[in-house]
PDB file of N, CA and C in Angstrom:
ATOM      1  N   MET A   1      -4.869  14.929 -11.720  1.00  0.00           N
ATOM      2  CA  MET A   1      -5.501  13.594 -11.935  1.00  0.00           C
ATOM      3  C   MET A   1      -4.496  12.566 -12.145  1.00  0.00           C
ATOM      4  N   ARG A   2      -3.380  12.820 -12.728  1.00  0.00           N
ATOM      5  CA  ARG A   2      -2.475  11.892 -13.023  1.00  0.00           C
ATOM      6  C   ARG A   2      -1.848  11.297 -11.763  1.00  0.00           C
ATOM      7  N   THR A   3      -1.586  12.118 -10.720  1.00  0.00           N
ATOM      8  CA  THR A   3      -1.002  11.728  -9.500  1.00  0.00           C
ATOM      9  C   THR A   3      -1.871  10.805  -8.785  1.00  0.00           C
ATOM     10  N   ILE A   4      -3.205  10.994  -8.870  1.00  0.00           N
ATOM     11  CA  ILE A   4      -4.268  10.203  -8.215  1.00  0.00           C
ATOM     12  C   ILE A   4      -4.233   8.920  -8.750  1.00  0.00           C
ATOM     13  N   LEU A   5      -4.240   8.657 -10.138  1.00  0.00           N
ATOM     14  CA  LEU A   5      -4.262   7.419 -10.806  1.00  0.00           C
ATOM     15  C   LEU A   5      -2.876   6.652 -10.499  1.00  0.00           C
ATOM     16  N   THR A   6      -1.866   7.523 -10.453  1.00  0.00           N
ATOM     17  CA  THR A   6      -0.582   6.803 -10.256  1.00  0.00           C
ATOM     18  C   THR A   6      -0.438   6.281  -8.739  1.00  0.00           C
ATOM     19  N   SER A   7      -0.986   7.054  -7.862  1.00  0.00           N
ATOM     20  CA  SER A   7      -1.152   6.592  -6.323  1.00  0.00           C
ATOM     21  C   SER A   7      -2.031   5.469  -6.120  1.00  0.00           C
ATOM     22  N   THR A   8      -3.142   5.478  -7.016  1.00  0.00           N
ATOM     23  CA  THR A   8      -4.104   4.437  -6.933  1.00  0.00           C
ATOM     24  C   THR A   8      -3.422   3.061  -7.414  1.00  0.00           C
ATOM     25  N   GLY A   9      -2.712   3.215  -8.613  1.00  0.00           N
ATOM     26  CA  GLY A   9      -1.970   2.092  -9.102  1.00  0.00           C
ATOM     27  C   GLY A   9      -0.883   1.450  -8.059  1.00  0.00           C
ATOM     28  N   LEU A  10      -0.231   2.381  -7.480  1.00  0.00           N
ATOM     29  CA  LEU A  10       0.698   1.851  -6.527  1.00  0.00           C
ATOM     30  C   LEU A  10       0.028   1.291  -5.315  1.00  0.00           C
ATOM     31  N   PHE A  11      -0.874   1.779  -4.817  1.00  0.00           N
ATOM     32  CA  PHE A  11      -1.816   1.256  -3.690  1.00  0.00           C
ATOM     33  C   PHE A  11      -2.215  -0.150  -4.081  1.00  0.00           C
ATOM     34  N   LEU A  12      -2.874  -0.350  -5.274  1.00  0.00           N
ATOM     35  CA  LEU A  12      -3.390  -1.593  -5.657  1.00  0.00           C
ATOM     36  C   LEU A  12      -2.300  -2.591  -5.927  1.00  0.00           C
ATOM     37  N   THR A  13      -1.192  -2.147  -6.476  1.00  0.00           N
ATOM     38  CA  THR A  13      -0.127  -3.097  -6.618  1.00  0.00           C
ATOM     39  C   THR A  13       0.407  -3.662  -5.218  1.00  0.00           C
ATOM     40  N   ILE A  14       0.604  -2.754  -4.252  1.00  0.00           N
ATOM     41  CA  ILE A  14       0.976  -3.260  -2.944  1.00  0.00           C
ATOM     42  C   ILE A  14      -0.011  -4.187  -2.326  1.00  0.00           C
ATOM     43  N   ILE A  15      -1.227  -3.752  -2.367  1.00  0.00           N
ATOM     44  CA  ILE A  15      -2.336  -4.540  -1.798  1.00  0.00           C
ATOM     45  C   ILE A  15      -2.416  -5.999  -2.514  1.00  0.00           C
ATOM     46  N   GLY A  16      -2.419  -5.932  -3.760  1.00  0.00           N
ATOM     47  CA  GLY A  16      -2.415  -7.225  -4.471  1.00  0.00           C
ATOM     48  C   GLY A  16      -1.275  -8.133  -4.229  1.00  0.00           C
ATOM     49  N   LEU A  17      -0.058  -7.526  -4.128  1.00  0.00           N
ATOM     50  CA  LEU A  17       1.120  -8.244  -3.851  1.00  0.00           C
ATOM     51  C   LEU A  17       1.000  -8.928  -2.370  1.00  0.00           C
ATOM     52  N   ALA A  18       0.627  -8.101  -1.406  1.00  0.00           N
ATOM     53  CA  ALA A  18       0.530  -8.489  -0.060  1.00  0.00           C
ATOM     54  C   ALA A  18      -0.584  -9.576  -0.055  1.00  0.00           C
ATOM     55  N   ILE A  19      -1.701  -9.681  -0.654  1.00  0.00           N
ATOM     56  CA  ILE A  19      -2.574 -10.622  -0.609  1.00  0.00           C
ATOM     57  C   ILE A  19      -2.124 -11.803  -1.240  1.00  0.00           C
ATOM     58  N   SER A  20      -1.426 -11.764  -2.410  1.00  0.00           N
ATOM     59  CA  SER A  20      -0.927 -12.821  -2.994  1.00  0.00           C
ATOM     60  C   SER A  20       0.151 -13.591  -2.229  1.00  0.00           C
ATOM     61  N   VAL A  21       1.020 -12.928  -1.562  1.00  0.00           N
ATOM     62  CA  VAL A  21       1.996 -13.398  -0.736  1.00  0.00           C
ATOM     63  C   VAL A  21       1.328 -14.015   0.427  1.00  0.00           C
ATOM     64  N   ALA A  22       0.338 -13.389   1.212  1.00  0.00           N
ATOM     65  CA  ALA A  22      -0.195 -13.913   2.370  1.00  0.00           C
ATOM     66  C   ALA A  22      -0.915 -15.118   2.073  1.00  0.00           C
ATOM     67  N   PHE A  23      -1.553 -15.275   0.883  1.00  0.00           N
ATOM     68  CA  PHE A  23      -2.405 -16.590   0.607  1.00  0.00           C
ATOM     69  C   PHE A  23      -1.413 -17.840   0.566  1.00  0.00           C
ATOM     70  N   TRP A  24      -0.184 -17.592   0.120  1.00  0.00           N
ATOM     71  CA  TRP A  24       0.742 -18.593  -0.057  1.00  0.00           C
ATOM     72  C   TRP A  24       1.600 -18.989   1.155  1.00  0.00           C
ATOM     73  N   ILE A  25       1.461 -18.265   2.273  1.00  0.00           N
ATOM     74  CA  ILE A  25       2.139 -18.508   3.589  1.00  0.00           C
ATOM     75  C   ILE A  25       1.290 -19.289   4.429  1.00  0.00           C
ATOM     76  N   PRO A  26       1.782 -20.524   4.692  1.00  0.00           N
ATOM     77  CA  PRO A  26       0.865 -21.642   5.431  1.00  0.00           C
ATOM     78  C   PRO A  26       0.304 -20.969   6.726  1.00  0.00           C
ATOM     79  N   ARG A  27       1.015 -20.355   7.581  1.00  0.00           N
ATOM     80  CA  ARG A  27       0.578 -19.915   8.819  1.00  0.00           C
ATOM     81  C   ARG A  27      -0.541 -18.824   8.708  1.00  0.00           C
ATOM     82  N   LEU A  28      -0.527 -18.019   7.702  1.00  0.00           N
ATOM     83  CA  LEU A  28      -1.387 -16.917   7.510  1.00  0.00           C
ATOM     84  C   LEU A  28      -2.745 -17.452   6.978  1.00  0.00           C
ATOM     85  N   CYS A  29      -2.791 -18.440   5.960  1.00  0.00           N
ATOM     86  CA  CYS A  29      -3.890 -18.856   5.366  1.00  0.00           C
ATOM     87  C   CYS A  29      -3.804 -20.334   5.487  1.00  0.00           C
ATOM     88  N   ASN A  30      -4.575 -21.022   6.317  1.00  0.00           N
ATOM     89  CA  ASN A  30      -4.515 -22.357   6.612  1.00  0.00           C
ATOM     90  C   ASN A  30      -5.498 -23.066   5.672  1.00  0.00           C
ATOM     91  N   ARG A  31      -5.195 -23.427   4.565  1.00  0.00           N
ATOM     92  CA  ARG A  31      -5.984 -23.976   3.493  1.00  0.00           C
ATOM     93  C   ARG A  31      -6.676 -25.250   3.829  1.00  0.00           C
ATOM     94  N   THR A  32      -5.987 -26.056   4.724  1.00  0.00           N
ATOM     95  CA  THR A  32      -6.503 -27.438   5.054  1.00  0.00           C
ATOM     96  C   THR A  32      -7.839 -27.113   6.013  1.00  0.00           C
ATOM     97  N   ARG A  33      -7.621 -26.104   6.895  1.00  0.00           N
ATOM     98  CA  ARG A  33      -8.749 -25.673   7.898  1.00  0.00           C
ATOM     99  C   ARG A  33      -9.827 -25.107   7.049  1.00  0.00           C
ATOM    100  N   LEU A  34      -9.592 -24.306   6.058  1.00  0.00           N
ATOM    101  CA  LEU A  34     -10.628 -23.785   5.064  1.00  0.00           C
ATOM    102  C   LEU A  34     -11.387 -24.904   4.267  1.00  0.00           C
ATOM    103  N   ARG A  35     -10.623 -25.896   3.939  1.00  0.00           N
ATOM    104  CA  ARG A  35     -11.142 -26.978   3.262  1.00  0.00           C
ATOM    105  C   ARG A  35     -12.196 -27.661   4.171  1.00  0.00           C
ATOM    106  N   GLU A  36     -11.761 -27.814   5.383  1.00  0.00           N
ATOM    107  CA  GLU A  36     -12.647 -28.513   6.406  1.00  0.00           C
ATOM    108  C   GLU A  36     -14.003 -27.800   6.628  1.00  0.00           C
ATOM    109  N   ILE A  37     -13.769 -26.386   6.664  1.00  0.00           N
ATOM    110  CA  ILE A  37     -14.910 -25.591   7.136  1.00  0.00           C
ATOM    111  C   ILE A  37     -15.886 -25.400   5.866  1.00  0.00           C
ATOM    112  N   LEU A  38     -15.297 -25.136   4.631  1.00  0.00           N
ATOM    113  CA  LEU A  38     -16.186 -24.952   3.456  1.00  0.00           C
ATOM    114  C   LEU A  38     -16.628 -26.220   2.737  1.00  0.00           C
ATOM    115  N   GLY A  39     -15.950 -27.283   2.869  1.00  0.00           N
ATOM    116  CA  GLY A  39     -16.375 -28.490   2.278  1.00  0.00           C
ATOM    117  C   GLY A  39     -16.444 -28.425   0.647  1.00  0.00           C
ATOM    118  N   THR A  40     -17.583 -28.607   0.254  1.00  0.00           N
ATOM    119  CA  THR A  40     -17.611 -28.587  -1.293  1.00  0.00           C
ATOM    120  C   THR A  40     -17.506 -27.119  -1.858  1.00  0.00           C
ATOM    121  N   ARG A  41     -17.712 -26.157  -1.049  1.00  0.00           N
ATOM    122  CA  ARG A  41     -17.642 -24.827  -1.566  1.00  0.00           C
ATOM    123  C   ARG A  41     -16.204 -24.270  -1.473  1.00  0.00           C
ATOM    124  N   TYR A  42     -15.096 -25.140  -1.115  1.00  0.00           N
ATOM    125  CA  TYR A  42     -13.806 -24.728  -1.162  1.00  0.00           C
ATOM    126  C   TYR A  42     -13.328 -23.995  -2.409  1.00  0.00           C
ATOM    127  N   PRO A  43     -13.611 -24.378  -3.635  1.00  0.00           N
ATOM    128  CA  PRO A  43     -13.026 -23.734  -4.788  1.00  0.00           C
ATOM    129  C   PRO A  43     -13.337 -22.147  -4.808  1.00  0.00           C
ATOM    130  N   VAL A  44     -14.404 -21.682  -3.997  1.00  0.00           N
ATOM    131  CA  VAL A  44     -14.711 -20.296  -3.896  1.00  0.00           C
ATOM    132  C   VAL A  44     -13.497 -19.530  -3.329  1.00  0.00           C
ATOM    133  N   VAL A  45     -12.825 -20.207  -2.515  1.00  0.00           N
ATOM    134  CA  VAL A  45     -11.629 -19.593  -1.970  1.00  0.00           C
ATOM    135  C   VAL A  45     -10.685 -19.059  -2.950  1.00  0.00           C
ATOM    136  N   TYR A  46     -10.437 -19.835  -4.054  1.00  0.00           N
ATOM    137  CA  TYR A  46      -9.598 -19.606  -5.156  1.00  0.00           C
ATOM    138  C   TYR A  46     -10.075 -18.353  -6.002  1.00  0.00           C
ATOM    139  N   VAL A  47     -11.472 -18.398  -6.192  1.00  0.00           N
ATOM    140  CA  VAL A  47     -12.177 -17.243  -6.897  1.00  0.00           C
ATOM    141  C   VAL A  47     -11.930 -15.951  -6.134  1.00  0.00           C
ATOM    142  N   VAL A  48     -12.031 -15.829  -4.845  1.00  0.00           N
ATOM    143  CA  VAL A  48     -11.815 -14.750  -4.035  1.00  0.00           C
ATOM    144  C   VAL A  48     -10.306 -14.332  -4.081  1.00  0.00           C
ATOM    145  N   TYR A  49      -9.404 -15.333  -4.000  1.00  0.00           N
ATOM    146  CA  TYR A  49      -8.042 -15.020  -4.022  1.00  0.00           C
ATOM    147  C   TYR A  49      -7.648 -14.440  -5.444  1.00  0.00           C
ATOM    148  N   ILE A  50      -8.125 -14.927  -6.366  1.00  0.00           N
ATOM    149  CA  ILE A  50      -7.731 -14.510  -7.764  1.00  0.00           C
ATOM    150  C   ILE A  50      -8.246 -13.164  -7.928  1.00  0.00           C
ATOM    151  N   ALA A  51      -9.443 -12.800  -7.460  1.00  0.00           N
ATOM    152  CA  ALA A  51     -10.031 -11.504  -7.573  1.00  0.00           C
ATOM    153  C   ALA A  51      -9.420 -10.418  -6.665  1.00  0.00           C
ATOM    154  N   ASN A  52      -8.778 -10.769  -5.598  1.00  0.00           N
ATOM    155  CA  ASN A  52      -8.257  -9.867  -4.670  1.00  0.00           C
ATOM    156  C   ASN A  52      -6.689  -9.816  -4.580  1.00  0.00           C
ATOM    157  N   GLY A  53      -5.904 -10.856  -5.258  1.00  0.00           N
ATOM    158  CA  GLY A  53      -4.651 -11.013  -5.257  1.00  0.00           C
ATOM    159  C   GLY A  53      -4.105 -10.525  -6.644  1.00  0.00           C
ATOM    160  N   PRO A  54      -4.009 -11.418  -7.592  1.00  0.00           N
ATOM    161  CA  PRO A  54      -3.377 -11.262  -8.953  1.00  0.00           C
ATOM    162  C   PRO A  54      -4.084 -10.207  -9.673  1.00  0.00           C
ATOM    163  N   LEU A  55      -5.423 -10.126  -9.712  1.00  0.00           N
ATOM    164  CA  LEU A  55      -6.135  -9.084 -10.426  1.00  0.00           C
ATOM    165  C   LEU A  55      -5.924  -7.698  -9.949  1.00  0.00           C
ATOM    166  N   LEU A  56      -5.775  -7.517  -8.567  1.00  0.00           N
ATOM    167  CA  LEU A  56      -5.501  -6.149  -8.091  1.00  0.00           C
ATOM    168  C   LEU A  56      -4.077  -5.839  -8.475  1.00  0.00           C
ATOM    169  N   LEU A  57      -3.141  -6.793  -8.430  1.00  0.00           N
ATOM    170  CA  LEU A  57      -1.770  -6.576  -8.792  1.00  0.00           C
ATOM    171  C   LEU A  57      -1.606  -6.168 -10.120  1.00  0.00           C
ATOM    172  N   LEU A  58      -2.320  -6.857 -10.996  1.00  0.00           N
ATOM    173  CA  LEU A  58      -2.362  -6.578 -12.501  1.00  0.00           C
ATOM    174  C   LEU A  58      -2.920  -5.251 -12.834  1.00  0.00           C
ATOM    175  N   LEU A  59      -4.059  -4.882 -12.123  1.00  0.00           N
ATOM    176  CA  LEU A  59      -4.563  -3.612 -12.364  1.00  0.00           C
ATOM    177  C   LEU A  59      -3.751  -2.440 -11.877  1.00  0.00           C
ATOM    178  N   GLY A  60      -3.115  -2.667 -10.807  1.00  0.00           N
ATOM    179  CA  GLY A  60      -2.138  -1.751 -10.215  1.00  0.00           C
ATOM    180  C   GLY A  60      -1.034  -1.387 -11.267  1.00  0.00           C
ATOM    181  N   ILE A  61      -0.395  -2.596 -11.765  1.00  0.00           N
ATOM    182  CA  ILE A  61       0.727  -2.402 -12.647  1.00  0.00           C
ATOM    183  C   ILE A  61       0.268  -1.710 -13.999  1.00  0.00           C
ATOM    184  N   ILE A  62      -0.962  -2.007 -14.411  1.00  0.00           N
ATOM    185  CA  ILE A  62      -1.395  -1.399 -15.688  1.00  0.00           C
ATOM    186  C   ILE A  62      -1.627   0.191 -15.341  1.00  0.00           C
ATOM    187  N   LEU A  63      -2.216   0.480 -14.313  1.00  0.00           N
ATOM    188  CA  LEU A  63      -2.267   1.899 -13.811  1.00  0.00           C
ATOM    189  C   LEU A  63      -0.959   2.656 -13.834  1.00  0.00           C
ATOM    190  N   LEU A  64      -0.039   1.981 -13.152  1.00  0.00           N
ATOM    191  CA  LEU A  64       1.295   2.517 -13.119  1.00  0.00           C
ATOM    192  C   LEU A  64       1.987   2.752 -14.352  1.00  0.00           C
ATOM    193  N   ASN A  65       1.794   1.741 -15.222  1.00  0.00           N
ATOM    194  CA  ASN A  65       2.582   1.784 -16.575  1.00  0.00           C
ATOM    195  C   ASN A  65       1.870   2.779 -17.382  1.00  0.00           C
ATOM    196  N   THR A  66       0.627   3.092 -17.319  1.00  0.00           N
ATOM    197  CA  THR A  66      -0.215   3.978 -18.078  1.00  0.00           C
ATOM    198  C   THR A  66      -0.090   5.425 -17.677  1.00  0.00           C
ATOM    199  N   PHE A  67       0.053   5.647 -16.388  1.00  0.00           N
ATOM    200  CA  PHE A  67       0.007   7.140 -15.940  1.00  0.00           C
ATOM    201  C   PHE A  67       1.371   7.495 -15.219  1.00  0.00           C
ATOM    202  N   SER A  68       2.395   6.730 -15.373  1.00  0.00           N
ATOM    203  CA  SER A  68       3.714   7.207 -14.786  1.00  0.00           C
ATOM    204  C   SER A  68       4.556   7.655 -15.848  1.00  0.00           C
TER     205      SER A  68
END
């Protein structure tokens, strides 16, 4: 059970880090184009980013620290 949780923590850390980095690279995530497409709903992009980037990274780090 411990190795499953450690592996899950490592996986979540890698995915969260990749999403966080990808969001801030201009060619991968064209925020001006997203702003044009979404209009007033543009802040939703940040909610999705926070849920899928830093929170996954944080959860992965917590799992790694707890079960490693």
